[in-house]
Amino acid sequence: MKIVSAHAGTIPISSSMRNAFIDFSTMDCTVLALVSDVVVDGEPLVGYGFSSNGRYNATAILNQRILPRLQNAPAEELLDAGGGLSPARAWDVMMRNEKPGGHGERSVAVGVADMALHDLAAKAAGVPLYRWISDHYGDGAPDEDVFVYAAGGYYAPGKTTADLQDEMRGFLDAGYEVVKIKIGGADLAQDLERIEAVIDVLGGDGSRLMVDVNGKFDLDTALEYGRAIDRYGLFWYEEVGDPLDYSLNAALSERYRNPIATGENLFSLQDARNLIRHGGMRPDRDFLQVDPALSYGLTEYRRVLDMLDQHGWSSRRCIPHGGHQFSLHIAAALKLGGNESYPGEFRPTGGFTDDAVISGGRVAPGERPGIGLEGKAEFYEVLRGLHT
């Protein structure tokens, strides 16, 4: 197989909502099509990739550094011993002449390309990505479906507590059993009112609710909120302080007995390792949210999972950020604890295929070859337009 052309672009995924730290009025993302020389049913096989929400596009880095290395490499440098496309070998090519450290926008660019390469490899094999990953990287016996939770509860102009409750009821009606809302964008009294209103919708069961601070709190505020919400027994208390403030996270974990979740803004093996070494994370209850699409792709994410295993962590404690089809396949293949979902948000990239059915808070990745983005009609039209 040879990659004959690469087509990257930027599309909006903006909205009027906000979390405690940012709004999404100018949010965008990178999209990519890698066209191969393999022809099936008269059409070339194409691998698609895109960046997760929450970080802005990395299209310039992709076009100026990452894709030229990929396209200029001898074809054999991208292949495995059997002659098939090797995303892992391609990753090494893409990272040539890049200094260590500085993880952030570069990790997003490489993650987009890594996703497209995995999509292409699975399509060449004629199998859905989760089966390809399980056969190549896992134990060959993937999960058939995955736990998913509905992430919402954003702040928005004019949005009332009653509106928030209606939003959560919609998630439950759609088949979700666990939901997440944002906190930290209002004062403590208002946030407690919002939390209690959602718990009412959940039948009084706080263990079905997650709350997300998006990294806003200092230690004193983190502890104040922790004391206030402890009685609810929440599913988790997420990204409470700055993602690199490991000492804050460690101090919180000593005082907050219920689960903590973090990691969506850590973009490398090294950062994830520092969290485990210094962040006070507890493998019996806490959750790690590293997003493969933002952190150098599945190739680097596998290294993160290996590191976690060496430190006594189960893959079931990993529930990636992002709410997209790529992480859904990874979760099924590598037996993660679940996957995020953003019902109706971050279109057209977010969410699962149009025919996906959420039942009992679980969803199957589907049997289309590759990631299956062809099953997201609105998004597929955008992706196909990159190269036709």
Protein backbone atom coordinates (compact mmCIF):
# COMPACT_ATOMS: atom_id res chain seq x y z
CA MET A 1 0.00 0.00 0.00
CA LYS A 2 1.07 3.54 -0.75
CA ILE A 3 -0.42 6.88 0.29
CA VAL A 4 -0.84 8.82 -2.94
CA SER A 5 -2.29 12.05 -1.55
CA ALA A 6 -3.17 13.76 1.72
CA HIS A 7 -5.85 16.41 2.19
CA ALA A 8 -6.18 18.38 5.45
CA GLY A 9 -8.60 21.13 6.32
CA THR A 10 -10.26 23.01 9.16
CA ILE A 11 -13.96 23.01 9.98
CA PRO A 12 -16.01 24.74 12.72
CA ILE A 13 -17.53 22.84 15.65
CA SER A 14 -18.59 26.00 17.46
CA SER A 15 -21.55 26.70 19.75
CA SER A 16 -22.77 29.27 22.29
CA MET A 17 -22.21 27.03 25.33
CA ARG A 18 -19.37 27.35 27.83
CA ASN A 19 -17.73 25.49 30.68
CA ALA A 20 -16.01 26.99 33.71
CA PHE A 21 -12.94 28.00 31.72
CA ILE A 22 -13.74 28.59 28.03
CA ASP A 23 -16.62 29.10 25.64
CA PHE A 24 -16.96 27.33 22.30
CA SER A 25 -17.85 30.30 20.12
CA THR A 26 -14.77 29.88 17.91
CA MET A 27 -14.01 26.19 18.41
CA ASP A 28 -12.81 24.37 15.31
CA CYS A 29 -10.98 21.18 14.40
CA THR A 30 -8.70 19.58 11.85
CA VAL A 31 -9.98 16.98 9.38
CA LEU A 32 -7.84 14.75 7.18
CA ALA A 33 -8.18 12.32 4.27
CA LEU A 34 -5.32 9.97 3.33
CA VAL A 35 -5.92 8.51 -0.14
CA SER A 36 -4.21 5.18 -0.87
CA ASP A 37 -3.40 3.31 -4.08
CA VAL A 38 -5.60 0.38 -3.01
CA VAL A 39 -8.82 0.24 -5.03
CA VAL A 40 -11.95 -1.55 -3.80
CA ASP A 41 -15.15 -1.60 -5.85
CA GLY A 42 -13.67 1.01 -8.16
CA GLU A 43 -12.88 3.48 -5.39
CA PRO A 44 -9.55 4.13 -3.64
CA LEU A 45 -9.41 3.28 0.04
CA VAL A 46 -9.29 6.48 2.09
CA GLY A 47 -8.37 6.83 5.76
CA TYR A 48 -10.05 9.63 7.68
CA GLY A 49 -8.96 11.46 10.82
CA PHE A 50 -10.05 14.46 12.87
CA SER A 51 -9.14 16.23 16.07
CA SER A 52 -11.15 16.02 19.26
CA ASN A 53 -13.07 18.94 20.71
CA GLY A 54 -11.60 21.27 23.31
CA ARG A 55 -8.37 22.10 21.47
CA TYR A 56 -8.21 24.27 18.39
CA ASN A 57 -7.14 23.02 14.97
CA ALA A 58 -3.58 21.88 14.29
CA THR A 59 -3.93 21.98 10.51
CA ALA A 60 -0.86 24.15 9.88
CA ILE A 61 1.43 21.80 11.82
CA LEU A 62 -0.05 18.84 9.97
CA ASN A 63 0.45 20.44 6.55
CA GLN A 64 3.88 21.95 7.19
CA ARG A 65 5.65 19.15 9.07
CA ILE A 66 3.74 15.94 9.67
CA LEU A 67 2.22 15.15 6.28
CA PRO A 68 5.32 16.00 4.20
CA ARG A 69 7.34 13.48 6.23
CA LEU A 70 4.65 10.87 5.73
CA GLN A 71 4.32 11.51 1.99
CA ASN A 72 8.05 11.73 1.30
CA ALA A 73 8.98 8.54 3.13
CA PRO A 74 9.80 5.44 1.07
CA ALA A 75 6.72 3.22 0.97
CA GLU A 76 8.50 0.37 2.74
CA GLU A 77 9.07 2.54 5.81
CA LEU A 78 5.33 2.62 6.40
CA LEU A 79 4.75 -1.13 6.09
CA ASP A 80 4.97 -4.04 8.50
CA ALA A 81 6.79 -7.31 7.87
CA GLY A 82 3.76 -8.70 6.05
CA GLY A 83 3.50 -5.74 3.69
CA GLY A 84 0.52 -4.16 5.43
CA LEU A 85 0.28 -0.54 6.51
CA SER A 86 1.87 -0.07 9.94
CA PRO A 87 0.57 2.99 11.85
CA ALA A 88 3.31 2.43 14.43
CA ARG A 89 6.10 2.64 11.85
CA ALA A 90 4.40 5.63 10.23
CA TRP A 91 4.30 7.32 13.66
CA ASP A 92 8.09 7.10 13.88
CA VAL A 93 8.35 8.70 10.45
CA MET A 94 6.02 11.55 11.41
CA MET A 95 7.98 12.30 14.58
CA ARG A 96 11.40 12.49 12.95
CA ASN A 97 13.40 15.60 13.84
CA GLU A 98 10.92 16.61 16.57
CA LYS A 99 12.46 17.54 19.91
CA PRO A 100 11.16 15.92 23.11
CA GLY A 101 8.60 17.83 25.16
CA GLY A 102 6.30 20.60 24.04
CA HIS A 103 3.29 18.36 23.93
CA GLY A 104 0.14 20.18 22.89
CA GLU A 105 -0.76 21.26 19.38
CA ARG A 106 1.86 18.95 17.82
CA SER A 107 0.28 16.00 19.60
CA VAL A 108 -3.07 16.95 18.06
CA ALA A 109 -1.63 17.02 14.53
CA VAL A 110 0.05 13.64 14.91
CA GLY A 111 -3.11 12.25 16.53
CA VAL A 112 -5.20 13.23 13.50
CA ALA A 113 -2.80 11.48 11.12
CA ASP A 114 -2.49 8.43 13.39
CA MET A 115 -6.29 8.10 13.39
CA ALA A 116 -6.45 8.25 9.60
CA LEU A 117 -3.69 5.65 9.31
CA HIS A 118 -5.53 3.25 11.63
CA ASP A 119 -8.75 3.82 9.69
CA LEU A 120 -6.91 2.99 6.46
CA ALA A 121 -5.20 -0.10 7.90
CA ALA A 122 -8.48 -1.57 9.13
CA LYS A 123 -10.23 -0.80 5.83
CA ALA A 124 -7.45 -2.55 3.92
CA ALA A 125 -8.07 -5.61 6.09
CA GLY A 126 -11.83 -5.30 5.54
CA VAL A 127 -12.68 -5.23 9.25
CA PRO A 128 -14.01 -2.70 11.76
CA LEU A 129 -11.25 -0.89 13.60
CA TYR A 130 -11.99 -2.39 17.01
CA ARG A 131 -11.43 -5.90 15.64
CA TRP A 132 -8.23 -4.81 13.86
CA ILE A 133 -6.90 -3.22 17.07
CA SER A 134 -7.82 -6.25 19.16
CA ASP A 135 -6.11 -8.61 16.73
CA HIS A 136 -2.96 -6.49 16.39
CA TYR A 137 -2.60 -4.93 19.84
CA GLY A 138 -5.01 -6.74 22.15
CA ASP A 139 -6.06 -10.28 23.01
CA GLY A 140 -8.25 -10.93 19.97
CA ALA A 141 -11.44 -10.95 22.07
CA PRO A 142 -12.77 -7.36 22.11
CA ASP A 143 -15.76 -6.14 24.06
CA GLU A 144 -18.86 -6.22 21.87
CA ASP A 145 -20.22 -2.99 23.35
CA VAL A 146 -18.99 -0.18 25.58
CA PHE A 147 -20.30 1.80 28.56
CA VAL A 148 -20.97 5.41 27.53
CA TYR A 149 -22.11 8.40 29.51
CA ALA A 150 -23.81 11.56 28.27
CA ALA A 151 -21.73 14.70 28.74
CA GLY A 152 -23.69 17.92 28.80
CA GLY A 153 -24.90 20.34 31.42
CA TYR A 154 -22.98 23.26 29.94
CA TYR A 155 -23.66 26.85 30.86
CA ALA A 156 -25.47 28.75 28.10
CA PRO A 157 -27.22 32.12 27.77
CA GLY A 158 -30.70 31.94 29.25
CA LYS A 159 -30.37 28.30 30.31
CA THR A 160 -32.37 27.62 33.47
CA THR A 161 -32.24 24.82 36.02
CA ALA A 162 -35.47 23.48 34.53
CA ASP A 163 -33.78 23.47 31.10
CA LEU A 164 -30.88 21.53 32.61
CA GLN A 165 -33.27 18.95 34.00
CA ASP A 166 -35.01 18.60 30.63
CA GLU A 167 -31.61 18.08 28.98
CA MET A 168 -30.81 15.28 31.42
CA ARG A 169 -34.21 13.64 30.88
CA GLY A 170 -33.47 13.66 27.18
CA PHE A 171 -30.22 11.78 27.81
CA LEU A 172 -32.03 9.15 29.86
CA ASP A 173 -34.72 8.79 27.19
CA ALA A 174 -31.95 8.25 24.63
CA GLY A 175 -30.64 5.22 26.56
CA TYR A 176 -27.92 6.71 28.76
CA GLU A 177 -27.84 5.87 32.47
CA VAL A 178 -24.98 8.11 33.64
CA VAL A 179 -24.74 11.84 32.87
CA LYS A 180 -22.23 14.66 33.38
CA ILE A 181 -22.62 18.39 33.98
CA LYS A 182 -20.23 21.32 34.23
CA ILE A 183 -19.58 23.10 37.51
CA GLY A 184 -17.33 25.99 38.52
CA GLY A 185 -18.89 28.46 36.10
CA ALA A 186 -21.29 29.70 38.77
CA ASP A 187 -20.94 30.17 42.51
CA LEU A 188 -21.05 27.20 44.87
CA ALA A 189 -24.66 27.73 45.94
CA GLN A 190 -25.85 27.82 42.32
CA ASP A 191 -23.82 24.78 41.39
CA LEU A 192 -25.19 22.80 44.33
CA GLU A 193 -28.70 23.73 43.19
CA ARG A 194 -27.88 22.46 39.70
CA ILE A 195 -26.35 19.24 41.06
CA GLU A 196 -29.35 18.51 43.27
CA ALA A 197 -31.77 19.24 40.41
CA VAL A 198 -30.02 16.67 38.22
CA ILE A 199 -29.89 14.10 41.02
CA ASP A 200 -33.66 14.51 41.33
CA VAL A 201 -33.96 13.57 37.65
CA LEU A 202 -31.77 10.53 38.36
CA GLY A 203 -34.15 9.33 41.02
CA GLY A 204 -31.97 10.52 43.88
CA ASP A 205 -28.95 8.46 42.78
CA GLY A 206 -25.87 10.69 42.89
CA SER A 207 -23.65 7.84 41.74
CA ARG A 208 -25.07 8.32 38.24
CA LEU A 209 -23.82 11.91 38.03
CA MET A 210 -20.36 13.21 37.13
CA VAL A 211 -19.28 16.83 37.59
CA ASP A 212 -16.53 18.55 35.58
CA VAL A 213 -14.59 21.70 36.57
CA ASN A 214 -12.43 21.89 33.42
CA GLY A 215 -9.33 22.75 35.44
CA LYS A 216 -10.51 26.03 36.95
CA PHE A 217 -10.11 25.62 40.72
CA ASP A 218 -7.23 26.49 42.99
CA LEU A 219 -6.67 24.14 45.93
CA ASP A 220 -8.83 26.02 48.42
CA THR A 221 -11.79 26.10 46.03
CA ALA A 222 -11.26 22.47 45.06
CA LEU A 223 -11.43 21.44 48.70
CA GLU A 224 -14.42 23.68 49.41
CA TYR A 225 -16.41 22.12 46.58
CA GLY A 226 -15.16 18.67 47.56
CA ARG A 227 -16.52 19.06 51.08
CA ALA A 228 -19.85 20.30 49.72
CA ILE A 229 -20.38 17.50 47.18
CA ASP A 230 -18.97 14.62 49.22
CA ARG A 231 -22.42 13.71 50.55
CA TYR A 232 -23.80 13.08 47.08
CA GLY A 233 -21.51 10.09 46.33
CA LEU A 234 -20.94 11.26 42.75
CA PHE A 235 -19.58 9.01 40.00
CA TRP A 236 -16.58 11.35 39.78
CA TYR A 237 -15.24 14.87 40.40
CA GLU A 238 -13.41 15.78 37.19
CA GLU A 239 -10.34 17.85 36.26
CA VAL A 240 -10.57 19.96 39.36
CA GLY A 241 -7.38 22.01 38.92
CA ASP A 242 -4.82 22.77 36.24
CA PRO A 243 -3.96 19.49 34.48
CA LEU A 244 -0.24 19.87 35.28
CA ASP A 245 -0.76 20.81 38.92
CA TYR A 246 -0.10 17.33 40.22
CA SER A 247 0.34 18.53 43.80
CA LEU A 248 -3.17 20.01 43.83
CA ASN A 249 -4.59 16.73 42.59
CA ALA A 250 -2.61 14.81 45.18
CA ALA A 251 -3.80 17.06 48.01
CA LEU A 252 -7.40 16.72 46.86
CA SER A 253 -7.15 12.92 46.70
CA GLU A 254 -6.02 12.87 50.34
CA ARG A 255 -9.15 14.73 51.44
CA TYR A 256 -11.85 13.74 48.96
CA ARG A 257 -12.85 10.12 49.42
CA ASN A 258 -14.95 9.64 46.26
CA PRO A 259 -13.59 9.12 42.73
CA ILE A 260 -11.58 11.77 40.89
CA ALA A 261 -11.13 11.85 37.10
CA THR A 262 -8.49 13.73 35.09
CA GLY A 263 -6.09 13.46 32.16
CA GLU A 264 -7.96 14.83 29.15
CA ASN A 265 -5.42 17.66 28.86
CA LEU A 266 -2.36 15.44 29.15
CA PHE A 267 -1.00 14.66 25.71
CA SER A 268 1.93 12.29 26.11
CA LEU A 269 3.23 9.22 27.88
CA GLN A 270 5.55 11.44 29.93
CA ASP A 271 2.75 13.67 31.22
CA ALA A 272 0.55 10.70 32.05
CA ARG A 273 3.43 9.04 33.89
CA ASN A 274 3.98 12.18 35.95
CA LEU A 275 0.31 12.18 36.90
CA ILE A 276 0.60 8.61 38.17
CA ARG A 277 3.89 9.33 39.98
CA HIS A 278 2.95 12.64 41.56
CA GLY A 279 -0.81 13.25 41.27
CA GLY A 280 -2.06 11.01 44.05
CA MET A 281 -4.33 9.05 41.72
CA ARG A 282 -5.86 5.95 43.33
CA PRO A 283 -6.15 2.85 41.11
CA ASP A 284 -9.02 1.41 43.14
CA ARG A 285 -11.44 4.28 42.43
CA ASP A 286 -10.11 7.07 40.16
CA PHE A 287 -10.37 7.40 36.37
CA LEU A 288 -7.96 8.50 33.61
CA GLN A 289 -9.31 10.42 30.63
CA VAL A 290 -6.41 10.70 28.18
CA ASP A 291 -7.90 11.28 24.70
CA PRO A 292 -6.07 9.25 22.01
CA ALA A 293 -7.07 11.71 19.30
CA LEU A 294 -5.37 14.60 21.11
CA SER A 295 -2.33 12.76 22.44
CA TYR A 296 -0.33 11.56 19.44
CA GLY A 297 -2.93 8.95 18.52
CA LEU A 298 -3.49 5.33 19.40
CA THR A 299 0.22 4.58 18.96
CA GLU A 300 1.10 6.77 21.97
CA TYR A 301 -2.04 5.78 23.87
CA ARG A 302 -0.91 2.17 23.85
CA ARG A 303 2.30 3.28 25.56
CA VAL A 304 0.20 5.06 28.19
CA LEU A 305 -1.77 1.85 28.80
CA ASP A 306 1.46 -0.15 29.14
CA MET A 307 2.75 2.35 31.69
CA LEU A 308 -0.48 2.16 33.66
CA ASP A 309 -0.31 -1.60 33.71
CA GLN A 310 3.23 -1.42 35.11
CA HIS A 311 1.89 0.80 37.91
CA GLY A 312 -0.93 -1.58 38.79
CA TRP A 313 -3.75 0.14 36.94
CA SER A 314 -6.50 -1.74 35.10
CA SER A 315 -7.48 -0.57 31.62
CA ARG A 316 -11.03 -0.46 32.99
CA ARG A 317 -10.09 2.70 34.90
CA CYS A 318 -9.57 4.49 31.56
CA ILE A 319 -12.53 6.34 30.03
CA PRO A 320 -11.24 8.64 27.26
CA HIS A 321 -12.37 12.20 26.71
CA GLY A 322 -13.73 13.16 23.32
CA GLY A 323 -17.06 11.45 22.74
CA HIS A 324 -16.25 10.17 19.27
CA GLN A 325 -16.23 7.04 17.15
CA PHE A 326 -12.43 6.56 17.22
CA SER A 327 -12.23 6.26 21.01
CA LEU A 328 -15.29 4.01 20.97
CA HIS A 329 -13.40 1.46 18.85
CA ILE A 330 -10.34 1.73 21.10
CA ALA A 331 -12.45 1.23 24.22
CA ALA A 332 -13.99 -1.94 22.82
CA ALA A 333 -10.72 -3.33 21.48
CA LEU A 334 -8.51 -2.68 24.50
CA LYS A 335 -11.19 -3.25 27.15
CA LEU A 336 -11.32 0.23 28.59
CA GLY A 337 -13.87 1.26 31.18
CA GLY A 338 -16.02 3.18 28.74
CA ASN A 339 -16.21 6.21 26.50
CA GLU A 340 -17.57 9.73 26.66
CA SER A 341 -20.50 10.87 24.50
CA TYR A 342 -21.74 14.36 23.57
CA PRO A 343 -25.32 13.87 22.31
CA GLY A 344 -26.02 16.55 19.75
CA GLU A 345 -22.88 18.59 20.40
CA PHE A 346 -19.67 19.29 18.45
CA ARG A 347 -21.22 18.45 15.12
CA PRO A 348 -20.34 17.07 12.72
CA THR A 349 -17.34 15.31 14.32
CA GLY A 350 -18.79 14.28 17.67
CA GLY A 351 -20.91 11.27 18.44
CA PHE A 352 -21.25 7.83 16.97
CA THR A 353 -22.71 6.52 13.71
CA ASP A 354 -26.21 7.59 12.72
CA ASP A 355 -27.56 4.08 13.32
CA ALA A 356 -25.88 3.58 16.72
CA VAL A 357 -28.30 2.55 19.46
CA ILE A 358 -27.66 3.42 23.10
CA SER A 359 -29.25 0.80 25.35
CA GLY A 360 -28.68 0.41 29.06
CA GLY A 361 -25.91 3.00 28.84
CA ARG A 362 -23.94 0.93 26.33
CA VAL A 363 -23.29 1.10 22.59
CA ALA A 364 -21.56 -1.11 20.00
CA PRO A 365 -18.92 0.38 17.67
CA GLY A 366 -20.53 -1.14 14.58
CA GLU A 367 -19.27 -3.42 11.84
CA ARG A 368 -18.38 -1.01 9.05
CA PRO A 369 -14.74 -1.35 7.95
CA GLY A 370 -12.38 1.05 9.68
CA ILE A 371 -13.68 3.66 12.09
CA GLY A 372 -17.02 3.72 10.29
CA LEU A 373 -17.24 7.46 9.71
CA GLU A 374 -19.05 6.66 6.48
CA GLY A 375 -21.97 5.92 8.81
CA LYS A 376 -22.08 9.56 9.94
CA ALA A 377 -23.75 11.07 6.88
CA GLU A 378 -23.25 14.75 7.70
CA PHE A 379 -19.60 14.27 8.63
CA TYR A 380 -18.85 11.89 5.76
CA GLU A 381 -20.00 14.52 3.29
CA VAL A 382 -17.40 16.90 4.75
CA LEU A 383 -14.66 14.26 4.74
CA ARG A 384 -15.36 13.11 1.19
CA GLY A 385 -15.29 16.70 0.05
CA LEU A 386 -11.64 16.92 1.08
CA HIS A 387 -10.51 14.64 -1.72
CA THR A 388 -13.23 14.53 -4.41
